């Protein structure tokens, strides 16, 4: 659809955590275009108050589910803070 993304066995539709994962991989791979694409998808699917849904329809407009599903936003916020401070790669290095 117009908004492709990663899903899971639990949530076969694109989901916000898949976009967070895509952003993280793009940042670590130094691929600004892919990182921007992932953040743009997250901005497009966020609710009016900034909360991210668990999953969303690949077609626009489409439903977004579970407004209260807070952990994708929490993970994104933590990663953005690390990235802003230049600590993302060091903290995620295995």
PDB file of N, CA and C in Angstrom:
ATOM      1  N   UNK A   1       0.813  -1.191   0.000  1.00  0.00           N
ATOM      2  CA  UNK A   1       0.000   0.000   0.000  1.00  0.00           C
ATOM      3  C   UNK A   1       0.855   1.254   0.000  1.00  0.00           C
ATOM      4  N   UNK A   2       0.219   2.366   0.193  1.00  0.00           N
ATOM      5  CA  UNK A   2       0.909   3.657   0.190  1.00  0.00           C
ATOM      6  C   UNK A   2       1.816   3.814   1.402  1.00  0.00           C
ATOM      7  N   UNK A   3       1.508   3.079   2.481  1.00  0.00           N
ATOM      8  CA  UNK A   3       2.315   3.167   3.701  1.00  0.00           C
ATOM      9  C   UNK A   3       2.844   1.784   4.069  1.00  0.00           C
ATOM     10  N   UNK A   4       3.835   1.287   3.320  1.00  0.00           N
ATOM     11  CA  UNK A   4       4.368  -0.032   3.641  1.00  0.00           C
ATOM     12  C   UNK A   4       5.197   0.024   4.912  1.00  0.00           C
ATOM     13  N   UNK A   5       5.329  -1.083   5.554  1.00  0.00           N
ATOM     14  CA  UNK A   5       6.159  -1.134   6.751  1.00  0.00           C
ATOM     15  C   UNK A   5       6.267  -2.554   7.253  1.00  0.00           C
ATOM     16  N   UNK A   6       7.061  -2.721   8.277  1.00  0.00           N
ATOM     17  CA  UNK A   6       7.250  -4.033   8.881  1.00  0.00           C
ATOM     18  C   UNK A   6       6.066  -4.394   9.750  1.00  0.00           C
ATOM     19  N   UNK A   7       5.682  -5.634   9.712  1.00  0.00           N
ATOM     20  CA  UNK A   7       4.653  -6.152  10.594  1.00  0.00           C
ATOM     21  C   UNK A   7       5.250  -7.227  11.481  1.00  0.00           C
ATOM     22  N   UNK A   8       4.394  -8.032  12.055  1.00  0.00           N
ATOM     23  CA  UNK A   8       4.864  -9.132  12.888  1.00  0.00           C
ATOM     24  C   UNK A   8       3.867 -10.277  12.773  1.00  0.00           C
ATOM     25  N   UNK A   9       4.197 -11.397  13.368  1.00  0.00           N
ATOM     26  CA  UNK A   9       3.232 -12.498  13.391  1.00  0.00           C
ATOM     27  C   UNK A   9       1.988 -12.096  14.158  1.00  0.00           C
ATOM     28  N   UNK A  10       2.177 -11.336  15.227  1.00  0.00           N
ATOM     29  CA  UNK A  10       1.061 -10.866  16.050  1.00  0.00           C
ATOM     30  C   UNK A  10       0.247  -9.801  15.332  1.00  0.00           C
ATOM     31  N   UNK A  11       0.922  -8.918  14.615  1.00  0.00           N
ATOM     32  CA  UNK A  11       0.268  -7.803  13.933  1.00  0.00           C
ATOM     33  C   UNK A  11       0.767  -7.778  12.493  1.00  0.00           C
ATOM     34  N   UNK A  12       0.062  -8.462  11.566  1.00  0.00           N
ATOM     35  CA  UNK A  12       0.554  -8.550  10.199  1.00  0.00           C
ATOM     36  C   UNK A  12       0.529  -7.223   9.431  1.00  0.00           C
ATOM     37  N   UNK A  13      -0.254  -6.259   9.874  1.00  0.00           N
ATOM     38  CA  UNK A  13      -0.253  -4.942   9.232  1.00  0.00           C
ATOM     39  C   UNK A  13       1.012  -4.193   9.651  1.00  0.00           C
ATOM     40  N   UNK A  14       1.369  -3.130   8.935  1.00  0.00           N
ATOM     41  CA  UNK A  14       2.522  -2.342   9.381  1.00  0.00           C
ATOM     42  C   UNK A  14       2.297  -1.862  10.815  1.00  0.00           C
ATOM     43  N   UNK A  15       3.357  -1.814  11.573  1.00  0.00           N
ATOM     44  CA  UNK A  15       3.216  -1.361  12.952  1.00  0.00           C
ATOM     45  C   UNK A  15       4.298  -0.353  13.294  1.00  0.00           C
ATOM     46  N   UNK A  16       4.025   0.494  14.257  1.00  0.00           N
ATOM     47  CA  UNK A  16       4.923   1.581  14.615  1.00  0.00           C
ATOM     48  C   UNK A  16       6.294   1.062  15.033  1.00  0.00           C
ATOM     49  N   UNK A  17       6.340  -0.056  15.752  1.00  0.00           N
ATOM     50  CA  UNK A  17       7.644  -0.577  16.167  1.00  0.00           C
ATOM     51  C   UNK A  17       8.487  -0.998  14.972  1.00  0.00           C
ATOM     52  N   UNK A  18       7.865  -1.460  13.911  1.00  0.00           N
ATOM     53  CA  UNK A  18       8.604  -1.777  12.692  1.00  0.00           C
ATOM     54  C   UNK A  18       9.234  -0.533  12.101  1.00  0.00           C
ATOM     55  N   UNK A  19       8.511   0.586  12.160  1.00  0.00           N
ATOM     56  CA  UNK A  19       9.060   1.848  11.665  1.00  0.00           C
ATOM     57  C   UNK A  19      10.179   2.355  12.572  1.00  0.00           C
ATOM     58  N   UNK A  20      10.037   2.151  13.878  1.00  0.00           N
ATOM     59  CA  UNK A  20      11.109   2.522  14.800  1.00  0.00           C
ATOM     60  C   UNK A  20      12.352   1.683  14.494  1.00  0.00           C
ATOM     61  N   UNK A  21      12.147   0.385  14.254  1.00  0.00           N
ATOM     62  CA  UNK A  21      13.270  -0.487  13.903  1.00  0.00           C
ATOM     63  C   UNK A  21      13.910  -0.046  12.590  1.00  0.00           C
ATOM     64  N   UNK A  22      13.095   0.312  11.607  1.00  0.00           N
ATOM     65  CA  UNK A  22      13.616   0.761  10.320  1.00  0.00           C
ATOM     66  C   UNK A  22      14.427   2.044  10.487  1.00  0.00           C
ATOM     67  N   UNK A  23      13.950   2.969  11.334  1.00  0.00           N
ATOM     68  CA  UNK A  23      14.693   4.208  11.591  1.00  0.00           C
ATOM     69  C   UNK A  23      16.038   3.885  12.247  1.00  0.00           C
ATOM     70  N   UNK A  24      16.019   3.006  13.243  1.00  0.00           N
ATOM     71  CA  UNK A  24      17.237   2.663  13.969  1.00  0.00           C
ATOM     72  C   UNK A  24      18.273   2.035  13.029  1.00  0.00           C
ATOM     73  N   UNK A  25      17.862   1.098  12.201  1.00  0.00           N
ATOM     74  CA  UNK A  25      18.782   0.462  11.259  1.00  0.00           C
ATOM     75  C   UNK A  25      19.337   1.496  10.284  1.00  0.00           C
ATOM     76  N   UNK A  26      18.492   2.372   9.790  1.00  0.00           N
ATOM     77  CA  UNK A  26      18.943   3.402   8.848  1.00  0.00           C
ATOM     78  C   UNK A  26      19.947   4.350   9.499  1.00  0.00           C
ATOM     79  N   UNK A  27      19.712   4.725  10.745  1.00  0.00           N
ATOM     80  CA  UNK A  27      20.661   5.606  11.453  1.00  0.00           C
ATOM     81  C   UNK A  27      21.993   4.909  11.652  1.00  0.00           C
ATOM     82  N   UNK A  28      21.953   3.648  12.045  1.00  0.00           N
ATOM     83  CA  UNK A  28      23.197   2.917  12.277  1.00  0.00           C
ATOM     84  C   UNK A  28      23.946   2.642  10.973  1.00  0.00           C
ATOM     85  N   UNK A  29      23.199   2.523   9.873  1.00  0.00           N
ATOM     86  CA  UNK A  29      23.806   2.289   8.559  1.00  0.00           C
ATOM     87  C   UNK A  29      24.173   3.606   7.872  1.00  0.00           C
ATOM     88  N   UNK A  30      23.947   4.724   8.550  1.00  0.00           N
ATOM     89  CA  UNK A  30      24.220   6.054   8.000  1.00  0.00           C
ATOM     90  C   UNK A  30      23.498   6.258   6.667  1.00  0.00           C
ATOM     91  N   UNK A  31      22.189   5.989   6.682  1.00  0.00           N
ATOM     92  CA  UNK A  31      21.343   6.133   5.497  1.00  0.00           C
ATOM     93  C   UNK A  31      20.259   7.163   5.815  1.00  0.00           C
ATOM     94  N   UNK A  32      20.574   8.458   5.677  1.00  0.00           N
ATOM     95  CA  UNK A  32      19.629   9.506   6.070  1.00  0.00           C
ATOM     96  C   UNK A  32      18.291   9.457   5.335  1.00  0.00           C
ATOM     97  N   UNK A  33      18.295   9.056   4.085  1.00  0.00           N
ATOM     98  CA  UNK A  33      17.037   9.007   3.322  1.00  0.00           C
ATOM     99  C   UNK A  33      16.090   7.967   3.922  1.00  0.00           C
ATOM    100  N   UNK A  34      16.610   6.788   4.229  1.00  0.00           N
ATOM    101  CA  UNK A  34      15.761   5.746   4.844  1.00  0.00           C
ATOM    102  C   UNK A  34      15.328   6.145   6.246  1.00  0.00           C
ATOM    103  N   UNK A  35      16.204   6.810   6.987  1.00  0.00           N
ATOM    104  CA  UNK A  35      15.843   7.279   8.326  1.00  0.00           C
ATOM    105  C   UNK A  35      14.717   8.300   8.234  1.00  0.00           C
ATOM    106  N   UNK A  36      14.826   9.233   7.297  1.00  0.00           N
ATOM    107  CA  UNK A  36      13.770  10.236   7.113  1.00  0.00           C
ATOM    108  C   UNK A  36      12.455   9.588   6.696  1.00  0.00           C
ATOM    109  N   UNK A  37      12.522   8.585   5.815  1.00  0.00           N
ATOM    110  CA  UNK A  37      11.303   7.873   5.396  1.00  0.00           C
ATOM    111  C   UNK A  37      10.606   7.249   6.602  1.00  0.00           C
ATOM    112  N   UNK A  38      11.375   6.612   7.467  1.00  0.00           N
ATOM    113  CA  UNK A  38      10.788   5.967   8.653  1.00  0.00           C
ATOM    114  C   UNK A  38      10.157   7.005   9.578  1.00  0.00           C
ATOM    115  N   UNK A  39      10.854   8.109   9.831  1.00  0.00           N
ATOM    116  CA  UNK A  39      10.283   9.146  10.700  1.00  0.00           C
ATOM    117  C   UNK A  39       9.048   9.777  10.062  1.00  0.00           C
ATOM    118  N   UNK A  40       9.062   9.953   8.747  1.00  0.00           N
ATOM    119  CA  UNK A  40       7.889  10.514   8.072  1.00  0.00           C
ATOM    120  C   UNK A  40       6.686   9.590   8.195  1.00  0.00           C
ATOM    121  N   UNK A  41       6.909   8.261   8.102  1.00  0.00           N
ATOM    122  CA  UNK A  41       5.808   7.319   8.307  1.00  0.00           C
ATOM    123  C   UNK A  41       5.278   7.439   9.735  1.00  0.00           C
ATOM    124  N   UNK A  42       6.177   7.544  10.704  1.00  0.00           N
ATOM    125  CA  UNK A  42       5.742   7.670  12.097  1.00  0.00           C
ATOM    126  C   UNK A  42       4.945   8.952  12.311  1.00  0.00           C
ATOM    127  N   UNK A  43       5.386  10.035  11.730  1.00  0.00           N
ATOM    128  CA  UNK A  43       4.638  11.300  11.853  1.00  0.00           C
ATOM    129  C   UNK A  43       3.248  11.167  11.224  1.00  0.00           C
ATOM    130  N   UNK A  44       3.187  10.477  10.093  1.00  0.00           N
ATOM    131  CA  UNK A  44       1.918  10.352   9.375  1.00  0.00           C
ATOM    132  C   UNK A  44       0.907   9.495  10.123  1.00  0.00           C
ATOM    133  N   UNK A  45       1.377   8.523  10.897  1.00  0.00           N
ATOM    134  CA  UNK A  45       0.440   7.610  11.556  1.00  0.00           C
ATOM    135  C   UNK A  45       0.177   7.974  13.013  1.00  0.00           C
ATOM    136  N   UNK A  46       0.938   8.925  13.533  1.00  0.00           N
ATOM    137  CA  UNK A  46       0.751   9.324  14.938  1.00  0.00           C
ATOM    138  C   UNK A  46      -0.641   9.930  15.129  1.00  0.00           C
ATOM    139  N   UNK A  47      -1.187   9.714  16.310  1.00  0.00           N
ATOM    140  CA  UNK A  47      -2.446  10.349  16.674  1.00  0.00           C
ATOM    141  C   UNK A  47      -2.201  11.832  16.930  1.00  0.00           C
ATOM    142  N   UNK A  48      -3.256  12.615  17.049  1.00  0.00           N
ATOM    143  CA  UNK A  48      -3.145  14.063  17.230  1.00  0.00           C
ATOM    144  C   UNK A  48      -2.298  14.441  18.445  1.00  0.00           C
ATOM    145  N   UNK A  49      -2.298  13.591  19.477  1.00  0.00           N
ATOM    146  CA  UNK A  49      -1.516  13.909  20.674  1.00  0.00           C
ATOM    147  C   UNK A  49      -0.084  13.367  20.601  1.00  0.00           C
ATOM    148  N   UNK A  50       0.310  12.804  19.466  1.00  0.00           N
ATOM    149  CA  UNK A  50       1.658  12.304  19.285  1.00  0.00           C
ATOM    150  C   UNK A  50       1.849  10.839  19.625  1.00  0.00           C
ATOM    151  N   UNK A  51       0.847  10.203  20.224  1.00  0.00           N
ATOM    152  CA  UNK A  51       0.964   8.784  20.548  1.00  0.00           C
ATOM    153  C   UNK A  51       1.003   7.968  19.262  1.00  0.00           C
ATOM    154  N   UNK A  52       1.768   6.890  19.287  1.00  0.00           N
ATOM    155  CA  UNK A  52       1.866   6.006  18.139  1.00  0.00           C
ATOM    156  C   UNK A  52       0.949   4.805  18.326  1.00  0.00           C
ATOM    157  N   UNK A  53       0.296   4.361  17.256  1.00  0.00           N
ATOM    158  CA  UNK A  53      -0.565   3.186  17.360  1.00  0.00           C
ATOM    159  C   UNK A  53       0.261   1.904  17.372  1.00  0.00           C
ATOM    160  N   UNK A  54      -0.390   0.821  17.736  1.00  0.00           N
ATOM    161  CA  UNK A  54       0.287  -0.477  17.643  1.00  0.00           C
ATOM    162  C   UNK A  54       0.469  -0.840  16.174  1.00  0.00           C
ATOM    163  N   UNK A  55      -0.579  -0.678  15.385  1.00  0.00           N
ATOM    164  CA  UNK A  55      -0.529  -1.020  13.966  1.00  0.00           C
ATOM    165  C   UNK A  55      -1.417  -0.050  13.197  1.00  0.00           C
ATOM    166  N   UNK A  56      -1.220  -0.039  11.890  1.00  0.00           N
ATOM    167  CA  UNK A  56      -1.997   0.873  11.040  1.00  0.00           C
ATOM    168  C   UNK A  56      -2.180   0.236   9.674  1.00  0.00           C
ATOM    169  N   UNK A  57      -3.146   0.729   8.941  1.00  0.00           N
ATOM    170  CA  UNK A  57      -3.429   0.202   7.602  1.00  0.00           C
ATOM    171  C   UNK A  57      -2.359   0.669   6.624  1.00  0.00           C
ATOM    172  N   UNK A  58      -2.008  -0.201   5.693  1.00  0.00           N
ATOM    173  CA  UNK A  58      -1.018   0.168   4.681  1.00  0.00           C
ATOM    174  C   UNK A  58      -1.592   1.166   3.685  1.00  0.00           C
ATOM    175  N   UNK A  59      -2.897   1.209   3.572  1.00  0.00           N
ATOM    176  CA  UNK A  59      -3.552   2.149   2.665  1.00  0.00           C
ATOM    177  C   UNK A  59      -3.987   3.397   3.423  1.00  0.00           C
ATOM    178  N   UNK A  60      -3.897   4.549   2.774  1.00  0.00           N
ATOM    179  CA  UNK A  60      -4.358   5.803   3.379  1.00  0.00           C
ATOM    180  C   UNK A  60      -5.748   6.120   2.878  1.00  0.00           C
ATOM    181  N   UNK A  61      -6.627   6.718   3.612  1.00  0.00           N
ATOM    182  CA  UNK A  61      -6.587   6.681   5.076  1.00  0.00           C
ATOM    183  C   UNK A  61      -7.025   5.305   5.528  1.00  0.00           C
ATOM    184  N   UNK A  62      -6.593   4.921   6.625  1.00  0.00           N
ATOM    185  CA  UNK A  62      -6.953   3.611   7.137  1.00  0.00           C
ATOM    186  C   UNK A  62      -6.940   3.636   8.648  1.00  0.00           C
ATOM    187  N   UNK A  63      -7.452   2.592   9.243  1.00  0.00           N
ATOM    188  CA  UNK A  63      -7.524   2.571  10.702  1.00  0.00           C
ATOM    189  C   UNK A  63      -6.144   2.453  11.345  1.00  0.00           C
ATOM    190  N   UNK A  64      -6.053   2.998  12.516  1.00  0.00           N
ATOM    191  CA  UNK A  64      -4.899   2.847  13.396  1.00  0.00           C
ATOM    192  C   UNK A  64      -5.452   2.260  14.685  1.00  0.00           C
ATOM    193  N   UNK A  65      -4.757   1.291  15.237  1.00  0.00           N
ATOM    194  CA  UNK A  65      -5.326   0.627  16.413  1.00  0.00           C
ATOM    195  C   UNK A  65      -4.491   0.885  17.664  1.00  0.00           C
ATOM    196  N   UNK A  66      -5.161   0.833  18.781  1.00  0.00           N
ATOM    197  CA  UNK A  66      -4.604   0.933  20.128  1.00  0.00           C
ATOM    198  C   UNK A  66      -3.864   2.242  20.390  1.00  0.00           C
ATOM    199  N   UNK A  67      -4.621   3.291  20.556  1.00  0.00           N
ATOM    200  CA  UNK A  67      -4.067   4.596  20.890  1.00  0.00           C
ATOM    201  C   UNK A  67      -3.217   4.525  22.154  1.00  0.00           C
ATOM    202  N   UNK A  68      -3.593   3.698  23.077  1.00  0.00           N
ATOM    203  CA  UNK A  68      -2.916   3.610  24.374  1.00  0.00           C
ATOM    204  C   UNK A  68      -1.653   2.766  24.346  1.00  0.00           C
ATOM    205  N   UNK A  69      -1.267   2.264  23.204  1.00  0.00           N
ATOM    206  CA  UNK A  69      -0.104   1.381  23.066  1.00  0.00           C
ATOM    207  C   UNK A  69       1.166   2.231  23.151  1.00  0.00           C
ATOM    208  N   UNK A  70       1.617   2.521  24.352  1.00  0.00           N
ATOM    209  CA  UNK A  70       2.618   3.569  24.595  1.00  0.00           C
ATOM    210  C   UNK A  70       4.057   3.176  24.296  1.00  0.00           C
ATOM    211  N   UNK A  71       4.381   1.908  24.272  1.00  0.00           N
ATOM    212  CA  UNK A  71       5.805   1.609  24.207  1.00  0.00           C
ATOM    213  C   UNK A  71       6.493   1.906  22.892  1.00  0.00           C
ATOM    214  N   UNK A  72       5.847   1.936  21.708  1.00  0.00           N
ATOM    215  CA  UNK A  72       6.581   2.375  20.510  1.00  0.00           C
ATOM    216  C   UNK A  72       7.063   3.821  20.651  1.00  0.00           C
ATOM    217  N   UNK A  73       6.228   4.675  21.206  1.00  0.00           N
ATOM    218  CA  UNK A  73       6.631   6.068  21.407  1.00  0.00           C
ATOM    219  C   UNK A  73       7.741   6.194  22.428  1.00  0.00           C
ATOM    220  N   UNK A  74       7.690   5.391  23.477  1.00  0.00           N
ATOM    221  CA  UNK A  74       8.738   5.429  24.503  1.00  0.00           C
ATOM    222  C   UNK A  74      10.073   4.964  23.927  1.00  0.00           C
ATOM    223  N   UNK A  75      10.044   3.899  23.135  1.00  0.00           N
ATOM    224  CA  UNK A  75      11.274   3.404  22.512  1.00  0.00           C
ATOM    225  C   UNK A  75      11.824   4.456  21.555  1.00  0.00           C
ATOM    226  N   UNK A  76      10.965   5.040  20.730  1.00  0.00           N
ATOM    227  CA  UNK A  76      11.414   6.066  19.786  1.00  0.00           C
ATOM    228  C   UNK A  76      12.003   7.256  20.531  1.00  0.00           C
ATOM    229  N   UNK A  77      11.363   7.701  21.595  1.00  0.00           N
ATOM    230  CA  UNK A  77      11.874   8.845  22.360  1.00  0.00           C
ATOM    231  C   UNK A  77      13.259   8.547  22.930  1.00  0.00           C
ATOM    232  N   UNK A  78      13.437   7.368  23.500  1.00  0.00           N
ATOM    233  CA  UNK A  78      14.741   7.010  24.063  1.00  0.00           C
ATOM    234  C   UNK A  78      15.813   6.966  22.975  1.00  0.00           C
ATOM    235  N   UNK A  79      15.477   6.374  21.822  1.00  0.00           N
ATOM    236  CA  UNK A  79      16.447   6.285  20.733  1.00  0.00           C
ATOM    237  C   UNK A  79      16.775   7.657  20.158  1.00  0.00           C
ATOM    238  N   UNK A  80      15.766   8.528  20.040  1.00  0.00           N
ATOM    239  CA  UNK A  80      16.019   9.880  19.537  1.00  0.00           C
ATOM    240  C   UNK A  80      16.920  10.651  20.492  1.00  0.00           C
ATOM    241  N   UNK A  81      16.714  10.484  21.791  1.00  0.00           N
ATOM    242  CA  UNK A  81      17.590  11.142  22.762  1.00  0.00           C
ATOM    243  C   UNK A  81      19.024  10.646  22.625  1.00  0.00           C
ATOM    244  N   UNK A  82      19.205   9.334  22.523  1.00  0.00           N
ATOM    245  CA  UNK A  82      20.548   8.792  22.337  1.00  0.00           C
ATOM    246  C   UNK A  82      21.167   9.295  21.040  1.00  0.00           C
ATOM    247  N   UNK A  83      20.373   9.342  19.970  1.00  0.00           N
ATOM    248  CA  UNK A  83      20.874   9.793  18.677  1.00  0.00           C
ATOM    249  C   UNK A  83      21.282  11.260  18.737  1.00  0.00           C
ATOM    250  N   UNK A  84      20.461  12.080  19.391  1.00  0.00           N
ATOM    251  CA  UNK A  84      20.747  13.505  19.505  1.00  0.00           C
ATOM    252  C   UNK A  84      22.042  13.752  20.267  1.00  0.00           C
ATOM    253  N   UNK A  85      22.331  12.886  21.221  1.00  0.00           N
ATOM    254  CA  UNK A  85      23.550  13.027  22.027  1.00  0.00           C
ATOM    255  C   UNK A  85      24.743  12.295  21.409  1.00  0.00           C
ATOM    256  N   UNK A  86      24.546  11.701  20.226  1.00  0.00           N
ATOM    257  CA  UNK A  86      25.620  10.987  19.563  1.00  0.00           C
ATOM    258  C   UNK A  86      25.978   9.666  20.215  1.00  0.00           C
ATOM    259  N   UNK A  87      25.053   9.078  20.991  1.00  0.00           N
ATOM    260  CA  UNK A  87      25.335   7.851  21.721  1.00  0.00           C
ATOM    261  C   UNK A  87      24.617   6.639  21.154  1.00  0.00           C
ATOM    262  N   UNK A  88      23.839   6.808  20.109  1.00  0.00           N
ATOM    263  CA  UNK A  88      23.018   5.704  19.607  1.00  0.00           C
ATOM    264  C   UNK A  88      23.856   4.492  19.211  1.00  0.00           C
ATOM    265  N   UNK A  89      24.828   4.684  18.338  1.00  0.00           N
ATOM    266  CA  UNK A  89      25.629   3.561  17.849  1.00  0.00           C
ATOM    267  C   UNK A  89      26.396   2.884  18.980  1.00  0.00           C
ATOM    268  N   UNK A  90      26.963   3.680  19.869  1.00  0.00           N
ATOM    269  CA  UNK A  90      27.733   3.090  20.972  1.00  0.00           C
ATOM    270  C   UNK A  90      26.839   2.278  21.906  1.00  0.00           C
ATOM    271  N   UNK A  91      25.649   2.755  22.187  1.00  0.00           N
ATOM    272  CA  UNK A  91      24.751   2.043  23.100  1.00  0.00           C
ATOM    273  C   UNK A  91      24.171   0.786  22.469  1.00  0.00           C
ATOM    274  N   UNK A  92      24.056   0.764  21.147  1.00  0.00           N
ATOM    275  CA  UNK A  92      23.440  -0.380  20.480  1.00  0.00           C
ATOM    276  C   UNK A  92      24.460  -1.371  19.943  1.00  0.00           C
ATOM    277  N   UNK A  93      25.722  -1.031  20.035  1.00  0.00           N
ATOM    278  CA  UNK A  93      26.769  -1.913  19.530  1.00  0.00           C
ATOM    279  C   UNK A  93      26.791  -3.183  20.374  1.00  0.00           C
ATOM    280  N   UNK A  94      26.888  -4.302  19.711  1.00  0.00           N
ATOM    281  CA  UNK A  94      26.928  -5.576  20.424  1.00  0.00           C
ATOM    282  C   UNK A  94      28.315  -6.146  20.389  1.00  0.00           C
TER     283      UNK A  94
END
